[in-house]
Amino acid sequence: MLRAVEAVIDKKGKVRLLSPIRLSTARRAIVTILDEEWHGGVAETALLSEAALAEDWNRPEEDAAWSHLQLAQSS
């Protein structure tokens, strides 16, 4: 099974994975170097999609659909 894992490579070529992974044995990997600098923080695609998703998520119908998952309010 192929899996993509985000990483950062420093100037000396040291690879640092951005999230931990566990493997049962040693594996080969292919590294793709992107043509942009890494600045940390939230991925740009997440920021770009936030407004479009919020438009759908922030509706009364959505609140009603998920209300059963909210904590019960004490009186």
C-alpha atoms as a PDB file:
ATOM      1  CA  MET A   1       0.000   0.000   0.000  1.00  0.00           C
ATOM      2  CA  LEU A   2       1.320   3.444  -0.894  1.00  0.00           C
ATOM      3  CA  ARG A   3       1.101   6.202   1.689  1.00  0.00           C
ATOM      4  CA  ALA A   4       1.991   9.885   1.411  1.00  0.00           C
ATOM      5  CA  VAL A   5       3.574  11.550   4.441  1.00  0.00           C
ATOM      6  CA  GLU A   6       4.391  15.263   4.592  1.00  0.00           C
ATOM      7  CA  ALA A   7       7.973  16.118   5.511  1.00  0.00           C
ATOM      8  CA  VAL A   8      10.455  18.979   5.477  1.00  0.00           C
ATOM      9  CA  ILE A   9      14.000  18.713   4.155  1.00  0.00           C
ATOM     10  CA  ASP A  10      16.526  21.154   5.573  1.00  0.00           C
ATOM     11  CA  LYS A  11      19.453  22.725   3.680  1.00  0.00           C
ATOM     12  CA  LYS A  12      21.727  19.833   4.650  1.00  0.00           C
ATOM     13  CA  GLY A  13      19.264  17.260   3.269  1.00  0.00           C
ATOM     14  CA  LYS A  14      17.964  16.010   6.614  1.00  0.00           C
ATOM     15  CA  VAL A  15      14.364  14.792   6.259  1.00  0.00           C
ATOM     16  CA  ARG A  16      11.934  15.485   9.132  1.00  0.00           C
ATOM     17  CA  LEU A  17       8.472  13.940   9.009  1.00  0.00           C
ATOM     18  CA  LEU A  18       5.688  16.304  10.113  1.00  0.00           C
ATOM     19  CA  SER A  19       3.670  13.509  11.711  1.00  0.00           C
ATOM     20  CA  PRO A  20       4.823  10.285  13.347  1.00  0.00           C
ATOM     21  CA  ILE A  21       4.451   6.991  11.493  1.00  0.00           C
ATOM     22  CA  ARG A  22       4.860   3.372  12.551  1.00  0.00           C
ATOM     23  CA  LEU A  23       6.061   0.680  10.191  1.00  0.00           C
ATOM     24  CA  SER A  24       6.337  -3.055  10.833  1.00  0.00           C
ATOM     25  CA  THR A  25       9.682  -3.221   8.989  1.00  0.00           C
ATOM     26  CA  ALA A  26      12.056  -0.891   7.160  1.00  0.00           C
ATOM     27  CA  ARG A  27      10.608   0.410   3.870  1.00  0.00           C
ATOM     28  CA  ARG A  28      11.841   2.196   0.799  1.00  0.00           C
ATOM     29  CA  ALA A  29      10.532   5.695   0.122  1.00  0.00           C
ATOM     30  CA  ILE A  30      10.351   8.151  -2.742  1.00  0.00           C
ATOM     31  CA  VAL A  31      10.965  11.791  -1.880  1.00  0.00           C
ATOM     32  CA  THR A  32       9.414  14.508  -4.042  1.00  0.00           C
ATOM     33  CA  ILE A  33      10.942  17.930  -3.511  1.00  0.00           C
ATOM     34  CA  LEU A  34       8.372  20.686  -4.021  1.00  0.00           C
ATOM     35  CA  ASP A  35       9.289  23.952  -5.699  1.00  0.00           C
ATOM     36  CA  GLU A  36       8.348  26.102  -2.716  1.00  0.00           C
ATOM     37  CA  GLU A  37       9.731  26.964   0.688  1.00  0.00           C
ATOM     38  CA  TRP A  38       8.065  25.552   3.774  1.00  0.00           C
ATOM     39  CA  HIS A  39       6.877  28.171   6.245  1.00  0.00           C
ATOM     40  CA  GLY A  40       5.139  25.903   8.714  1.00  0.00           C
ATOM     41  CA  GLY A  41       1.634  26.325   9.991  1.00  0.00           C
ATOM     42  CA  VAL A  42      -1.590  25.398   8.237  1.00  0.00           C
ATOM     43  CA  ALA A  43      -1.527  24.091   4.680  1.00  0.00           C
ATOM     44  CA  GLU A  44      -2.574  26.675   2.094  1.00  0.00           C
ATOM     45  CA  THR A  45      -5.272  24.403   0.675  1.00  0.00           C
ATOM     46  CA  ALA A  46      -6.931  24.235   4.096  1.00  0.00           C
ATOM     47  CA  LEU A  47      -7.002  28.014   4.308  1.00  0.00           C
ATOM     48  CA  LEU A  48      -8.353  28.381   0.771  1.00  0.00           C
ATOM     49  CA  SER A  49     -11.185  25.907   1.352  1.00  0.00           C
ATOM     50  CA  GLU A  50     -12.220  27.278   4.757  1.00  0.00           C
ATOM     51  CA  ALA A  51     -14.638  29.920   3.417  1.00  0.00           C
ATOM     52  CA  ALA A  52     -16.361  27.512   1.026  1.00  0.00           C
ATOM     53  CA  LEU A  53     -16.752  24.855   3.714  1.00  0.00           C
ATOM     54  CA  ALA A  54     -17.933  27.360   6.336  1.00  0.00           C
ATOM     55  CA  GLU A  55     -20.726  28.422   3.987  1.00  0.00           C
ATOM     56  CA  ASP A  56     -22.104  24.877   4.145  1.00  0.00           C
ATOM     57  CA  TRP A  57     -21.196  24.066   7.750  1.00  0.00           C
ATOM     58  CA  ASN A  58     -22.589  27.243   9.324  1.00  0.00           C
ATOM     59  CA  ARG A  59     -26.246  26.589   8.492  1.00  0.00           C
ATOM     60  CA  PRO A  60     -29.085  25.895  10.924  1.00  0.00           C
ATOM     61  CA  GLU A  61     -29.763  22.577   9.119  1.00  0.00           C
ATOM     62  CA  GLU A  62     -26.216  21.420   9.887  1.00  0.00           C
ATOM     63  CA  ASP A  63     -26.534  22.425  13.541  1.00  0.00           C
ATOM     64  CA  ALA A  64     -29.779  20.444  13.795  1.00  0.00           C
ATOM     65  CA  ALA A  65     -28.278  17.410  12.088  1.00  0.00           C
ATOM     66  CA  TRP A  66     -25.359  17.248  14.524  1.00  0.00           C
ATOM     67  CA  SER A  67     -27.140  18.459  17.676  1.00  0.00           C
ATOM     68  CA  HIS A  68     -27.277  14.909  19.101  1.00  0.00           C
ATOM     69  CA  LEU A  69     -23.473  15.030  19.454  1.00  0.00           C
ATOM     70  CA  GLN A  70     -23.421  18.192  21.548  1.00  0.00           C
ATOM     71  CA  LEU A  71     -22.977  17.903  25.297  1.00  0.00           C
ATOM     72  CA  ALA A  72     -26.216  17.911  27.256  1.00  0.00           C
ATOM     73  CA  GLN A  73     -26.802  21.249  28.938  1.00  0.00           C
ATOM     74  CA  SER A  74     -27.437  21.118  32.669  1.00  0.00           C
ATOM     75  CA  SER A  75     -30.291  23.173  34.089  1.00  0.00           C
END
